[in-house]
Amino acid sequence: MNEIDTDTCLLAEPTQTNVASVEPRVISAAVVGGTGYAGAELVTILERHRGVDLVASWSSKFTLDALDHSRPEVVFLATPNEVSADLVPAMLDRGIRVIDLSGAFRLHESALYPHWYGFAHSRPELLQEAVYGLTEWCNGELKTARLVANPGCYPTSILLALRPLTFILDRDQAVICDSKSGVSGAGKKADLDWSFAEVAGNFKAYGVGTHRHEPEIRQGLRLGQRAPLVFVPHLLPTVRGILSTMHVAFAHTVTDAEIASLFTEAYAKAPFVKVLPAGKLPQLKSVVNTPKAEIGWQLLHGGKRAVIVSVIDNLLKGAASQAVQNFNRMYGWAETEGLQ
C-alpha cells in the first residue's frame, strides 16, 4: 500500500453549522478581481450578505495604497495566481485577513509551484499556514485563520465526492477523475481555443497530465506521490457548471448501504451538499446558478468498484459561494448566510 499524507484541516471531520445566539458583528470587506466571472459573483453575494459591509471592489489592476483608504478587515482575492502570491503577504503584514480564490497558496509544498504553476513561490512558510478551505472538511481552524486558500473548482467537485471514501479506496489501483467544465472556468481572456466559434458544438479534453489542479487533488485525497491518479479535464460547450465522473476501486467489497453510511456521516449537516440514493446520478441543471453540490454513485463488479458522479457550479460552489461559506465560518455567521 502507498503512503497516506496527513494534514490538520484535511483530516478534520465535518462539523455542523454553528448559529450563534447573538448575531455576529458586521465585517468590512473588499474584493480584488471583482470584474472577473467569479469575482462578479462574489460581489453580488457580499452585497446581500447581512454580515458584510462591502467597502471596495477593484479589478486585478490594484495597488496596495487603496487599502489605506478603505481599510477592510478581510479581502477576497479573485486574482491570477502570481498576483495573489504577491498581494497576500503585504495584506497579512497589514493585519488584513485574506480569502484567496487563486491557487497561490493551495499546495503545501513550494517545490511543486515551478512545475505546476510556472513560478517559484517566494513565501513558502505561508503555504504551511494557509487553511485549505474545503468548507465541509474544516473544523474550528477557519475561525482563527489569517489566510484561507479557497479550493479550485475541479478539486472541489472531486474531493467532495471522494473524501468520505478515502480510507476504503484501493490505493494500488488508479483513481480516475474525468471532469467536464463550462467555458467560464477559463475566466475572461482573449484566447482562440476558448472562443464561441471553437467551443459551440464541440467537446474536447485538455491539459491532460499538465493541469495545475492535479497536485491539489492528489494532496486532498492524501494519495502521496506514488499512488496512481489520472485527472482528465474536458471543456463543455456550456457557460458554467462542472460534472466529474470518478472511477475507483475499493480495498474490500462494499455495499450500497456502506457507501450511503459514509456519505451520511460526512454530510448529514452540510447545507449545500446533497447525496442522492444509490444508483441515481446527478445532473448539471440541478446545481447551475446555486451554491450546491450533488453526489451520486453506482457500484460495479459486485461492490469491488464504483462510479461516483458529482456536479457543482464552477463559479459558485467552485469559487465564490465556497469563499463566502469560509467567510461565514471565520466570523461566526450561519454557513448559509448570503447564499440562500
C-alpha atoms as a PDB file:
ATOM      1  CA  MET A   1       0.000   0.000   0.000  1.00  0.00           C
ATOM      2  CA  ASN A   2       1.150   3.551  -0.675  1.00  0.00           C
ATOM      3  CA  GLU A   3       1.718   6.190   1.946  1.00  0.00           C
ATOM      4  CA  ILE A   4      -1.063   8.405   3.235  1.00  0.00           C
ATOM      5  CA  ASP A   5      -0.291  12.092   3.679  1.00  0.00           C
ATOM      6  CA  THR A   6      -1.847  13.838   6.645  1.00  0.00           C
ATOM      7  CA  ASP A   7      -2.967  17.397   7.204  1.00  0.00           C
ATOM      8  CA  THR A   8      -4.825  19.006  10.057  1.00  0.00           C
ATOM      9  CA  CYS A   9      -7.600  20.618   8.024  1.00  0.00           C
ATOM     10  CA  LEU A  10      -7.985  17.795   5.524  1.00  0.00           C
ATOM     11  CA  LEU A  11      -8.211  15.173   8.244  1.00  0.00           C
ATOM     12  CA  ALA A  12     -10.866  17.075  10.138  1.00  0.00           C
ATOM     13  CA  GLU A  13     -14.330  15.643  10.305  1.00  0.00           C
ATOM     14  CA  PRO A  14     -17.129  17.922   9.113  1.00  0.00           C
ATOM     15  CA  THR A  15     -18.944  19.829  11.809  1.00  0.00           C
ATOM     16  CA  GLN A  16     -22.453  21.171  11.856  1.00  0.00           C
ATOM     17  CA  THR A  17     -23.168  24.771  11.089  1.00  0.00           C
ATOM     18  CA  ASN A  18     -22.873  26.865  14.242  1.00  0.00           C
ATOM     19  CA  VAL A  19     -25.540  29.535  14.611  1.00  0.00           C
ATOM     20  CA  ALA A  20     -24.686  31.927  17.416  1.00  0.00           C
ATOM     21  CA  SER A  21     -27.471  33.035  19.767  1.00  0.00           C
ATOM     22  CA  VAL A  22     -26.255  36.613  19.386  1.00  0.00           C
ATOM     23  CA  GLU A  23     -25.829  37.796  15.816  1.00  0.00           C
ATOM     24  CA  PRO A  24     -22.157  38.330  14.914  1.00  0.00           C
ATOM     25  CA  ARG A  25     -20.851  41.762  14.053  1.00  0.00           C
ATOM     26  CA  VAL A  26     -20.723  43.215  10.559  1.00  0.00           C
ATOM     27  CA  ILE A  27     -17.299  42.891   8.882  1.00  0.00           C
ATOM     28  CA  SER A  28     -15.780  45.377   6.450  1.00  0.00           C
ATOM     29  CA  ALA A  29     -14.710  43.511   3.327  1.00  0.00           C
ATOM     30  CA  ALA A  30     -13.198  44.231  -0.071  1.00  0.00           C
ATOM     31  CA  VAL A  31     -12.814  42.276  -3.292  1.00  0.00           C
ATOM     32  CA  VAL A  32      -9.829  42.398  -5.628  1.00  0.00           C
ATOM     33  CA  GLY A  33     -10.670  40.990  -9.045  1.00  0.00           C
ATOM     34  CA  GLY A  34     -14.332  41.901  -8.861  1.00  0.00           C
ATOM     35  CA  THR A  35     -14.638  42.304 -12.638  1.00  0.00           C
ATOM     36  CA  GLY A  36     -13.898  38.640 -13.427  1.00  0.00           C
ATOM     37  CA  TYR A  37     -16.572  35.957 -13.628  1.00  0.00           C
ATOM     38  CA  ALA A  38     -16.015  34.532 -10.132  1.00  0.00           C
ATOM     39  CA  GLY A  39     -15.256  37.981  -8.714  1.00  0.00           C
ATOM     40  CA  ALA A  40     -18.526  39.400 -10.024  1.00  0.00           C
ATOM     41  CA  GLU A  41     -20.456  36.509  -8.440  1.00  0.00           C
ATOM     42  CA  LEU A  42     -18.628  37.195  -5.197  1.00  0.00           C
ATOM     43  CA  VAL A  43     -19.538  40.878  -5.211  1.00  0.00           C
ATOM     44  CA  THR A  44     -23.195  40.018  -5.819  1.00  0.00           C
ATOM     45  CA  ILE A  45     -23.247  37.652  -2.826  1.00  0.00           C
ATOM     46  CA  LEU A  46     -21.426  40.030  -0.496  1.00  0.00           C
ATOM     47  CA  GLU A  47     -23.726  42.933  -1.368  1.00  0.00           C
ATOM     48  CA  ARG A  48     -26.712  40.998   0.008  1.00  0.00           C
ATOM     49  CA  HIS A  49     -24.858  39.462   2.982  1.00  0.00           C
ATOM     50  CA  ARG A  50     -26.145  40.860   6.295  1.00  0.00           C
ATOM     51  CA  GLY A  51     -22.738  40.446   7.901  1.00  0.00           C
ATOM     52  CA  VAL A  52     -20.708  42.321   5.283  1.00  0.00           C
ATOM     53  CA  ASP A  53     -20.013  45.977   4.705  1.00  0.00           C
ATOM     54  CA  LEU A  54     -18.527  45.846   1.206  1.00  0.00           C
ATOM     55  CA  VAL A  55     -16.241  48.862   1.327  1.00  0.00           C
ATOM     56  CA  ALA A  56     -14.493  48.392  -2.021  1.00  0.00           C
ATOM     57  CA  SER A  57     -14.264  46.276  -5.146  1.00  0.00           C
ATOM     58  CA  TRP A  58     -11.317  46.582  -7.509  1.00  0.00           C
ATOM     59  CA  SER A  59     -10.134  44.923 -10.685  1.00  0.00           C
ATOM     60  CA  SER A  60      -6.936  42.868 -10.638  1.00  0.00           C
ATOM     61  CA  LYS A  61      -5.081  46.067 -11.569  1.00  0.00           C
ATOM     62  CA  PHE A  62      -4.881  47.110  -7.950  1.00  0.00           C
ATOM     63  CA  THR A  63      -2.369  48.936  -5.782  1.00  0.00           C
ATOM     64  CA  LEU A  64      -1.925  48.368  -2.084  1.00  0.00           C
ATOM     65  CA  ASP A  65      -2.325  52.089  -1.406  1.00  0.00           C
ATOM     66  CA  ALA A  66      -6.060  51.637  -1.931  1.00  0.00           C
ATOM     67  CA  LEU A  67      -6.214  49.624   1.289  1.00  0.00           C
ATOM     68  CA  ASP A  68      -5.146  52.610   3.350  1.00  0.00           C
ATOM     69  CA  HIS A  69      -8.320  54.448   2.363  1.00  0.00           C
ATOM     70  CA  SER A  70     -10.904  51.644   2.557  1.00  0.00           C
ATOM     71  CA  ARG A  71      -9.337  49.729   5.486  1.00  0.00           C
ATOM     72  CA  PRO A  72     -11.134  46.386   5.076  1.00  0.00           C
ATOM     73  CA  GLU A  73     -10.842  43.727   7.767  1.00  0.00           C
ATOM     74  CA  VAL A  74     -10.899  40.938   5.197  1.00  0.00           C
ATOM     75  CA  VAL A  75     -10.058  40.881   1.499  1.00  0.00           C
ATOM     76  CA  PHE A  76     -11.270  38.347  -1.066  1.00  0.00           C
ATOM     77  CA  LEU A  77      -8.745  37.862  -3.870  1.00  0.00           C
ATOM     78  CA  ALA A  78     -10.206  36.725  -7.201  1.00  0.00           C
ATOM     79  CA  THR A  79      -6.894  37.377  -8.912  1.00  0.00           C
ATOM     80  CA  PRO A  80      -4.389  35.413 -11.033  1.00  0.00           C
ATOM     81  CA  ASN A  81      -2.061  33.085  -9.144  1.00  0.00           C
ATOM     82  CA  GLU A  82       1.083  35.222  -9.298  1.00  0.00           C
ATOM     83  CA  VAL A  83      -0.866  38.369  -8.393  1.00  0.00           C
ATOM     84  CA  SER A  84      -2.234  36.672  -5.269  1.00  0.00           C
ATOM     85  CA  ALA A  85       1.231  35.365  -4.388  1.00  0.00           C
ATOM     86  CA  ASP A  86       2.473  38.960  -4.334  1.00  0.00           C
ATOM     87  CA  LEU A  87      -0.528  40.582  -2.646  1.00  0.00           C
ATOM     88  CA  VAL A  88      -1.190  38.130   0.181  1.00  0.00           C
ATOM     89  CA  PRO A  89       1.999  38.725   2.236  1.00  0.00           C
ATOM     90  CA  ALA A  90       1.543  42.502   2.050  1.00  0.00           C
ATOM     91  CA  MET A  91      -2.069  42.222   3.201  1.00  0.00           C
ATOM     92  CA  LEU A  92      -1.217  39.896   6.069  1.00  0.00           C
ATOM     93  CA  ASP A  93       1.513  42.315   7.137  1.00  0.00           C
ATOM     94  CA  ARG A  94      -1.197  45.000   7.346  1.00  0.00           C
ATOM     95  CA  GLY A  95      -3.270  42.804   9.657  1.00  0.00           C
ATOM     96  CA  ILE A  96      -5.859  42.020   6.965  1.00  0.00           C
ATOM     97  CA  ARG A  97      -7.281  38.517   6.731  1.00  0.00           C
ATOM     98  CA  VAL A  98      -7.378  37.049   3.219  1.00  0.00           C
ATOM     99  CA  ILE A  99      -9.593  34.554   1.403  1.00  0.00           C
ATOM    100  CA  ASP A 100      -7.708  33.757  -1.797  1.00  0.00           C
ATOM    101  CA  LEU A 101      -9.602  32.206  -4.722  1.00  0.00           C
ATOM    102  CA  SER A 102      -6.419  31.581  -6.716  1.00  0.00           C
ATOM    103  CA  GLY A 103      -4.100  28.604  -6.474  1.00  0.00           C
ATOM    104  CA  ALA A 104      -1.220  30.594  -4.991  1.00  0.00           C
ATOM    105  CA  PHE A 105      -1.495  29.037  -1.521  1.00  0.00           C
ATOM    106  CA  ARG A 106      -3.339  25.746  -2.068  1.00  0.00           C
ATOM    107  CA  LEU A 107      -0.345  23.417  -2.273  1.00  0.00           C
ATOM    108  CA  HIS A 108       1.694  22.624   0.813  1.00  0.00           C
ATOM    109  CA  GLU A 109       4.993  22.045  -0.993  1.00  0.00           C
ATOM    110  CA  SER A 110       6.677  25.079  -2.540  1.00  0.00           C
ATOM    111  CA  ALA A 111       8.739  22.797  -4.791  1.00  0.00           C
ATOM    112  CA  LEU A 112       5.588  21.967  -6.766  1.00  0.00           C
ATOM    113  CA  TYR A 113       4.944  25.538  -7.877  1.00  0.00           C
ATOM    114  CA  PRO A 114       7.581  25.941 -10.614  1.00  0.00           C
ATOM    115  CA  HIS A 115       6.359  22.816 -12.434  1.00  0.00           C
ATOM    116  CA  TRP A 116       2.582  23.170 -11.978  1.00  0.00           C
ATOM    117  CA  TYR A 117       2.153  26.940 -11.731  1.00  0.00           C
ATOM    118  CA  GLY A 118       5.170  28.261 -13.588  1.00  0.00           C
ATOM    119  CA  PHE A 119       6.673  30.391 -10.832  1.00  0.00           C
ATOM    120  CA  ALA A 120       8.838  29.926  -7.753  1.00  0.00           C
ATOM    121  CA  HIS A 121       6.936  30.580  -4.537  1.00  0.00           C
ATOM    122  CA  SER A 122       8.522  33.428  -2.586  1.00  0.00           C
ATOM    123  CA  ARG A 123       6.759  32.777   0.745  1.00  0.00           C
ATOM    124  CA  PRO A 124       6.770  29.004   1.352  1.00  0.00           C
ATOM    125  CA  GLU A 125       6.140  29.459   5.078  1.00  0.00           C
ATOM    126  CA  LEU A 126       2.672  30.789   4.255  1.00  0.00           C
ATOM    127  CA  LEU A 127       1.846  27.535   2.449  1.00  0.00           C
ATOM    128  CA  GLN A 128       2.012  25.798   5.815  1.00  0.00           C
ATOM    129  CA  GLU A 129      -0.112  28.448   7.495  1.00  0.00           C
ATOM    130  CA  ALA A 130      -2.854  28.676   4.866  1.00  0.00           C
ATOM    131  CA  VAL A 131      -6.064  26.807   5.692  1.00  0.00           C
ATOM    132  CA  TYR A 132      -7.339  24.822   2.714  1.00  0.00           C
ATOM    133  CA  GLY A 133     -10.927  25.970   2.662  1.00  0.00           C
ATOM    134  CA  LEU A 134     -12.928  22.949   1.549  1.00  0.00           C
ATOM    135  CA  THR A 135     -15.556  24.156   3.981  1.00  0.00           C
ATOM    136  CA  GLU A 136     -17.316  20.889   4.769  1.00  0.00           C
ATOM    137  CA  TRP A 137     -13.995  19.331   5.784  1.00  0.00           C
ATOM    138  CA  CYS A 138     -12.751  22.118   8.026  1.00  0.00           C
ATOM    139  CA  ASN A 139     -13.290  22.466  11.741  1.00  0.00           C
ATOM    140  CA  GLY A 140     -12.512  25.411  14.007  1.00  0.00           C
ATOM    141  CA  GLU A 141      -9.291  26.375  12.240  1.00  0.00           C
ATOM    142  CA  LEU A 142     -11.229  28.736   9.966  1.00  0.00           C
ATOM    143  CA  LYS A 143     -12.147  30.864  12.988  1.00  0.00           C
ATOM    144  CA  THR A 144      -8.532  31.833  13.582  1.00  0.00           C
ATOM    145  CA  ALA A 145      -7.167  31.653  10.027  1.00  0.00           C
ATOM    146  CA  ARG A 146      -5.357  34.676   8.633  1.00  0.00           C
ATOM    147  CA  LEU A 147      -5.191  33.109   5.182  1.00  0.00           C
ATOM    148  CA  VAL A 148      -7.705  30.781   3.553  1.00  0.00           C
ATOM    149  CA  ALA A 149      -6.833  29.085   0.270  1.00  0.00           C
ATOM    150  CA  ASN A 150     -10.139  28.547  -1.496  1.00  0.00           C
ATOM    151  CA  PRO A 151     -10.071  25.206  -3.366  1.00  0.00           C
ATOM    152  CA  GLY A 152     -10.074  25.005  -7.136  1.00  0.00           C
ATOM    153  CA  CYS A 153     -13.307  24.249  -8.950  1.00  0.00           C
ATOM    154  CA  TYR A 154     -12.307  20.821 -10.275  1.00  0.00           C
ATOM    155  CA  PRO A 155     -10.816  19.723  -6.917  1.00  0.00           C
ATOM    156  CA  THR A 156     -13.984  20.851  -5.113  1.00  0.00           C
ATOM    157  CA  SER A 157     -16.137  18.614  -7.306  1.00  0.00           C
ATOM    158  CA  ILE A 158     -13.778  15.662  -6.885  1.00  0.00           C
ATOM    159  CA  LEU A 159     -12.850  15.986  -3.207  1.00  0.00           C
ATOM    160  CA  LEU A 160     -16.425  16.428  -2.006  1.00  0.00           C
ATOM    161  CA  ALA A 161     -17.289  13.160  -3.750  1.00  0.00           C
ATOM    162  CA  LEU A 162     -14.249  11.097  -2.764  1.00  0.00           C
ATOM    163  CA  ARG A 163     -13.162  12.380   0.652  1.00  0.00           C
ATOM    164  CA  PRO A 164     -15.795  10.326   2.527  1.00  0.00           C
ATOM    165  CA  LEU A 165     -14.444   7.200   0.783  1.00  0.00           C
ATOM    166  CA  THR A 166     -10.734   7.937   1.326  1.00  0.00           C
ATOM    167  CA  PHE A 167      -9.979   5.103   3.711  1.00  0.00           C
ATOM    168  CA  ILE A 168     -11.743   2.356   1.736  1.00  0.00           C
ATOM    169  CA  LEU A 169     -10.070   3.110  -1.614  1.00  0.00           C
ATOM    170  CA  ASP A 170      -7.641   0.557  -3.047  1.00  0.00           C
ATOM    171  CA  ARG A 171      -4.528   2.704  -3.371  1.00  0.00           C
ATOM    172  CA  ASP A 172      -2.815   0.190  -5.636  1.00  0.00           C
ATOM    173  CA  GLN A 173      -5.351   0.953  -8.361  1.00  0.00           C
ATOM    174  CA  ALA A 174      -5.700   4.249 -10.160  1.00  0.00           C
ATOM    175  CA  VAL A 175      -8.225   6.844  -9.081  1.00  0.00           C
ATOM    176  CA  ILE A 176      -9.540   8.128 -12.416  1.00  0.00           C
ATOM    177  CA  CYS A 177     -11.171  11.564 -12.429  1.00  0.00           C
ATOM    178  CA  ASP A 178     -12.922  12.516 -15.656  1.00  0.00           C
ATOM    179  CA  SER A 179     -14.171  16.113 -15.282  1.00  0.00           C
ATOM    180  CA  LYS A 180     -16.078  18.437 -17.598  1.00  0.00           C
ATOM    181  CA  SER A 181     -16.375  22.189 -17.122  1.00  0.00           C
ATOM    182  CA  GLY A 182     -18.232  25.055 -18.708  1.00  0.00           C
ATOM    183  CA  VAL A 183     -16.100  27.617 -20.508  1.00  0.00           C
ATOM    184  CA  SER A 184     -16.405  30.259 -17.772  1.00  0.00           C
ATOM    185  CA  GLY A 185     -13.851  28.219 -15.835  1.00  0.00           C
ATOM    186  CA  ALA A 186     -11.159  29.730 -18.039  1.00  0.00           C
ATOM    187  CA  GLY A 187     -12.038  33.239 -16.888  1.00  0.00           C
ATOM    188  CA  LYS A 188     -12.140  36.321 -19.075  1.00  0.00           C
ATOM    189  CA  LYS A 189      -9.332  36.086 -21.568  1.00  0.00           C
ATOM    190  CA  ALA A 190      -8.855  36.553 -25.296  1.00  0.00           C
ATOM    191  CA  ASP A 191      -7.871  33.075 -26.479  1.00  0.00           C
ATOM    192  CA  LEU A 192      -8.994  31.393 -29.697  1.00  0.00           C
ATOM    193  CA  ASP A 193      -9.357  27.985 -28.029  1.00  0.00           C
ATOM    194  CA  TRP A 194     -11.949  29.418 -25.646  1.00  0.00           C
ATOM    195  CA  SER A 195     -13.866  31.492 -28.176  1.00  0.00           C
ATOM    196  CA  PHE A 196     -17.504  30.832 -29.080  1.00  0.00           C
ATOM    197  CA  ALA A 197     -16.614  29.619 -32.571  1.00  0.00           C
ATOM    198  CA  GLU A 198     -14.290  26.970 -31.131  1.00  0.00           C
ATOM    199  CA  VAL A 199     -16.456  25.901 -28.194  1.00  0.00           C
ATOM    200  CA  ALA A 200     -20.005  25.861 -29.606  1.00  0.00           C
ATOM    201  CA  GLY A 201     -20.999  22.372 -30.742  1.00  0.00           C
ATOM    202  CA  ASN A 202     -17.642  20.998 -29.642  1.00  0.00           C
ATOM    203  CA  PHE A 203     -16.341  18.849 -26.770  1.00  0.00           C
ATOM    204  CA  LYS A 204     -12.686  18.214 -26.013  1.00  0.00           C
ATOM    205  CA  ALA A 205     -10.157  17.139 -23.416  1.00  0.00           C
ATOM    206  CA  TYR A 206      -7.304  19.478 -22.472  1.00  0.00           C
ATOM    207  CA  GLY A 207      -4.409  19.779 -20.043  1.00  0.00           C
ATOM    208  CA  VAL A 208      -4.041  16.005 -19.651  1.00  0.00           C
ATOM    209  CA  GLY A 209      -1.145  15.352 -17.282  1.00  0.00           C
ATOM    210  CA  THR A 210      -0.342  19.057 -17.021  1.00  0.00           C
ATOM    211  CA  HIS A 211      -3.366  20.663 -15.357  1.00  0.00           C
ATOM    212  CA  ARG A 212      -2.400  22.552 -12.186  1.00  0.00           C
ATOM    213  CA  HIS A 213      -5.325  21.099 -10.246  1.00  0.00           C
ATOM    214  CA  GLU A 214      -3.810  17.606 -10.385  1.00  0.00           C
ATOM    215  CA  PRO A 215      -1.418  18.003  -7.395  1.00  0.00           C
ATOM    216  CA  GLU A 216      -4.217  19.688  -5.446  1.00  0.00           C
ATOM    217  CA  ILE A 217      -6.454  16.654  -5.998  1.00  0.00           C
ATOM    218  CA  ARG A 218      -3.650  14.284  -5.025  1.00  0.00           C
ATOM    219  CA  GLN A 219      -2.979  16.322  -1.881  1.00  0.00           C
ATOM    220  CA  GLY A 220      -6.670  16.449  -0.952  1.00  0.00           C
ATOM    221  CA  LEU A 221      -7.107  12.687  -1.307  1.00  0.00           C
ATOM    222  CA  ARG A 222      -3.881  12.048   0.639  1.00  0.00           C
ATOM    223  CA  LEU A 223      -2.545   9.867  -2.180  1.00  0.00           C
ATOM    224  CA  GLY A 224       1.106  10.679  -1.578  1.00  0.00           C
ATOM    225  CA  GLN A 225       3.400  10.779  -4.605  1.00  0.00           C
ATOM    226  CA  ARG A 226       3.226   7.109  -5.639  1.00  0.00           C
ATOM    227  CA  ALA A 227      -0.470   6.189  -5.646  1.00  0.00           C
ATOM    228  CA  PRO A 228      -1.793   6.367  -9.222  1.00  0.00           C
ATOM    229  CA  LEU A 229      -4.086   9.258 -10.137  1.00  0.00           C
ATOM    230  CA  VAL A 230      -5.453  10.128 -13.574  1.00  0.00           C
ATOM    231  CA  PHE A 231      -7.125  13.525 -13.975  1.00  0.00           C
ATOM    232  CA  VAL A 232      -8.604  14.425 -17.367  1.00  0.00           C
ATOM    233  CA  PRO A 233     -10.386  17.788 -17.667  1.00  0.00           C
ATOM    234  CA  HIS A 234     -12.741  18.477 -20.569  1.00  0.00           C
ATOM    235  CA  LEU A 235     -14.323  21.621 -21.969  1.00  0.00           C
ATOM    236  CA  LEU A 236     -18.113  21.580 -22.256  1.00  0.00           C
ATOM    237  CA  PRO A 237     -19.963  23.778 -24.768  1.00  0.00           C
ATOM    238  CA  THR A 238     -21.791  25.447 -21.860  1.00  0.00           C
ATOM    239  CA  VAL A 239     -21.153  28.618 -19.876  1.00  0.00           C
ATOM    240  CA  ARG A 240     -20.946  27.172 -16.376  1.00  0.00           C
ATOM    241  CA  GLY A 241     -21.067  24.009 -14.304  1.00  0.00           C
ATOM    242  CA  ILE A 242     -18.768  21.045 -13.618  1.00  0.00           C
ATOM    243  CA  LEU A 243     -19.636  17.364 -13.833  1.00  0.00           C
ATOM    244  CA  SER A 244     -16.965  14.986 -12.525  1.00  0.00           C
ATOM    245  CA  THR A 245     -17.123  11.235 -13.088  1.00  0.00           C
ATOM    246  CA  MET A 246     -14.730   9.268 -10.881  1.00  0.00           C
ATOM    247  CA  HIS A 247     -13.792   5.615 -11.308  1.00  0.00           C
ATOM    248  CA  VAL A 248     -12.477   3.968  -8.144  1.00  0.00           C
ATOM    249  CA  ALA A 249     -11.673   0.540  -6.721  1.00  0.00           C
ATOM    250  CA  PHE A 250     -12.108  -0.466  -3.092  1.00  0.00           C
ATOM    251  CA  ALA A 251      -9.784  -2.259  -0.699  1.00  0.00           C
ATOM    252  CA  HIS A 252     -12.664  -4.588   0.189  1.00  0.00           C
ATOM    253  CA  THR A 253     -16.055  -5.384  -1.308  1.00  0.00           C
ATOM    254  CA  VAL A 254     -18.583  -2.725  -0.300  1.00  0.00           C
ATOM    255  CA  THR A 255     -22.351  -2.391  -0.334  1.00  0.00           C
ATOM    256  CA  ASP A 256     -24.646   0.487  -1.188  1.00  0.00           C
ATOM    257  CA  ALA A 257     -25.542   0.695   2.500  1.00  0.00           C
ATOM    258  CA  GLU A 258     -21.873   1.138   3.459  1.00  0.00           C
ATOM    259  CA  ILE A 259     -21.354   3.896   0.886  1.00  0.00           C
ATOM    260  CA  ALA A 260     -24.564   5.621   1.924  1.00  0.00           C
ATOM    261  CA  SER A 261     -23.495   5.494   5.574  1.00  0.00           C
ATOM    262  CA  LEU A 262     -20.131   7.114   4.812  1.00  0.00           C
ATOM    263  CA  PHE A 263     -21.755   9.923   2.849  1.00  0.00           C
ATOM    264  CA  THR A 264     -24.423  10.440   5.515  1.00  0.00           C
ATOM    265  CA  GLU A 265     -21.795  10.643   8.248  1.00  0.00           C
ATOM    266  CA  ALA A 266     -19.843  13.198   6.230  1.00  0.00           C
ATOM    267  CA  TYR A 267     -22.663  15.428   5.007  1.00  0.00           C
ATOM    268  CA  ALA A 268     -25.730  14.989   7.203  1.00  0.00           C
ATOM    269  CA  LYS A 269     -25.278  18.543   8.492  1.00  0.00           C
ATOM    270  CA  ALA A 270     -23.788  20.073   5.316  1.00  0.00           C
ATOM    271  CA  PRO A 271     -26.397  22.527   3.986  1.00  0.00           C
ATOM    272  CA  PHE A 272     -25.031  22.676   0.447  1.00  0.00           C
ATOM    273  CA  VAL A 273     -24.187  19.016  -0.247  1.00  0.00           C
ATOM    274  CA  LYS A 274     -26.936  16.654  -1.373  1.00  0.00           C
ATOM    275  CA  VAL A 275     -26.213  12.935  -1.655  1.00  0.00           C
ATOM    276  CA  LEU A 276     -28.589  11.042  -3.949  1.00  0.00           C
ATOM    277  CA  PRO A 277     -29.877   7.480  -3.392  1.00  0.00           C
ATOM    278  CA  ALA A 278     -27.785   4.575  -4.684  1.00  0.00           C
ATOM    279  CA  GLY A 279     -27.885   4.294  -8.452  1.00  0.00           C
ATOM    280  CA  LYS A 280     -29.225   7.811  -9.054  1.00  0.00           C
ATOM    281  CA  LEU A 281     -26.690  10.113 -10.678  1.00  0.00           C
ATOM    282  CA  PRO A 282     -26.804  13.931 -10.596  1.00  0.00           C
ATOM    283  CA  GLN A 283     -27.196  16.356 -13.489  1.00  0.00           C
ATOM    284  CA  LEU A 284     -25.716  19.805 -14.060  1.00  0.00           C
ATOM    285  CA  LYS A 285     -29.113  21.505 -14.294  1.00  0.00           C
ATOM    286  CA  SER A 286     -29.745  20.696 -10.624  1.00  0.00           C
ATOM    287  CA  VAL A 287     -26.891  22.886  -9.392  1.00  0.00           C
ATOM    288  CA  VAL A 288     -26.114  25.558 -12.004  1.00  0.00           C
ATOM    289  CA  ASN A 289     -26.647  29.045 -10.539  1.00  0.00           C
ATOM    290  CA  THR A 290     -26.758  27.590  -6.999  1.00  0.00           C
ATOM    291  CA  PRO A 291     -24.155  27.127  -4.214  1.00  0.00           C
ATOM    292  CA  LYS A 292     -24.961  23.412  -4.023  1.00  0.00           C
ATOM    293  CA  ALA A 293     -23.168  20.177  -4.833  1.00  0.00           C
ATOM    294  CA  GLU A 294     -24.907  16.896  -5.667  1.00  0.00           C
ATOM    295  CA  ILE A 295     -23.248  13.486  -5.468  1.00  0.00           C
ATOM    296  CA  GLY A 296     -24.371  10.048  -6.670  1.00  0.00           C
ATOM    297  CA  TRP A 297     -22.814   6.623  -7.176  1.00  0.00           C
ATOM    298  CA  GLN A 298     -23.216   3.258  -8.888  1.00  0.00           C
ATOM    299  CA  LEU A 299     -21.434   0.161  -7.588  1.00  0.00           C
ATOM    300  CA  LEU A 300     -19.850  -2.157 -10.137  1.00  0.00           C
ATOM    301  CA  HIS A 301     -18.288  -5.636 -10.182  1.00  0.00           C
ATOM    302  CA  GLY A 302     -20.187  -6.815  -7.127  1.00  0.00           C
ATOM    303  CA  GLY A 303     -19.057  -3.888  -4.991  1.00  0.00           C
ATOM    304  CA  LYS A 304     -15.366  -4.016  -5.870  1.00  0.00           C
ATOM    305  CA  ARG A 305     -15.532  -0.824  -7.913  1.00  0.00           C
ATOM    306  CA  ALA A 306     -17.764   2.221  -8.292  1.00  0.00           C
ATOM    307  CA  VAL A 307     -18.512   5.175 -10.494  1.00  0.00           C
ATOM    308  CA  ILE A 308     -19.029   8.345  -8.436  1.00  0.00           C
ATOM    309  CA  VAL A 309     -20.565  11.421 -10.090  1.00  0.00           C
ATOM    310  CA  SER A 310     -20.649  14.934  -8.670  1.00  0.00           C
ATOM    311  CA  VAL A 311     -21.923  18.247 -10.017  1.00  0.00           C
ATOM    312  CA  ILE A 312     -21.308  21.845  -8.942  1.00  0.00           C
ATOM    313  CA  ASP A 313     -21.493  25.333 -10.384  1.00  0.00           C
ATOM    314  CA  ASN A 314     -17.847  26.201 -11.037  1.00  0.00           C
ATOM    315  CA  LEU A 315     -18.345  29.920 -10.345  1.00  0.00           C
ATOM    316  CA  LEU A 316     -20.291  29.399  -7.102  1.00  0.00           C
ATOM    317  CA  LYS A 317     -19.544  26.210  -5.155  1.00  0.00           C
ATOM    318  CA  GLY A 318     -16.302  26.012  -7.124  1.00  0.00           C
ATOM    319  CA  ALA A 319     -15.305  29.586  -6.276  1.00  0.00           C
ATOM    320  CA  ALA A 320     -17.440  32.477  -4.955  1.00  0.00           C
ATOM    321  CA  SER A 321     -20.062  30.822  -2.753  1.00  0.00           C
ATOM    322  CA  GLN A 322     -17.479  28.497  -1.196  1.00  0.00           C
ATOM    323  CA  ALA A 323     -15.392  31.570  -0.356  1.00  0.00           C
ATOM    324  CA  VAL A 324     -18.425  33.039   1.413  1.00  0.00           C
ATOM    325  CA  GLN A 325     -19.029  29.762   3.263  1.00  0.00           C
ATOM    326  CA  ASN A 326     -15.462  30.084   4.543  1.00  0.00           C
ATOM    327  CA  PHE A 327     -16.061  33.719   5.489  1.00  0.00           C
ATOM    328  CA  ASN A 328     -19.169  32.685   7.432  1.00  0.00           C
ATOM    329  CA  ARG A 329     -17.210  30.088   9.377  1.00  0.00           C
ATOM    330  CA  MET A 330     -14.408  32.578  10.059  1.00  0.00           C
ATOM    331  CA  TYR A 331     -16.680  35.220  11.544  1.00  0.00           C
ATOM    332  CA  GLY A 332     -19.389  33.123  13.205  1.00  0.00           C
ATOM    333  CA  TRP A 333     -22.226  33.702  10.745  1.00  0.00           C
ATOM    334  CA  ALA A 334     -24.534  30.848   9.769  1.00  0.00           C
ATOM    335  CA  GLU A 335     -22.939  28.924   6.936  1.00  0.00           C
ATOM    336  CA  THR A 336     -25.907  29.677   4.702  1.00  0.00           C
ATOM    337  CA  GLU A 337     -25.858  33.449   5.269  1.00  0.00           C
ATOM    338  CA  GLY A 338     -25.919  35.339   1.969  1.00  0.00           C
ATOM    339  CA  LEU A 339     -26.215  32.106  -0.017  1.00  0.00           C
ATOM    340  CA  GLN A 340     -29.927  31.298   0.083  1.00  0.00           C
END
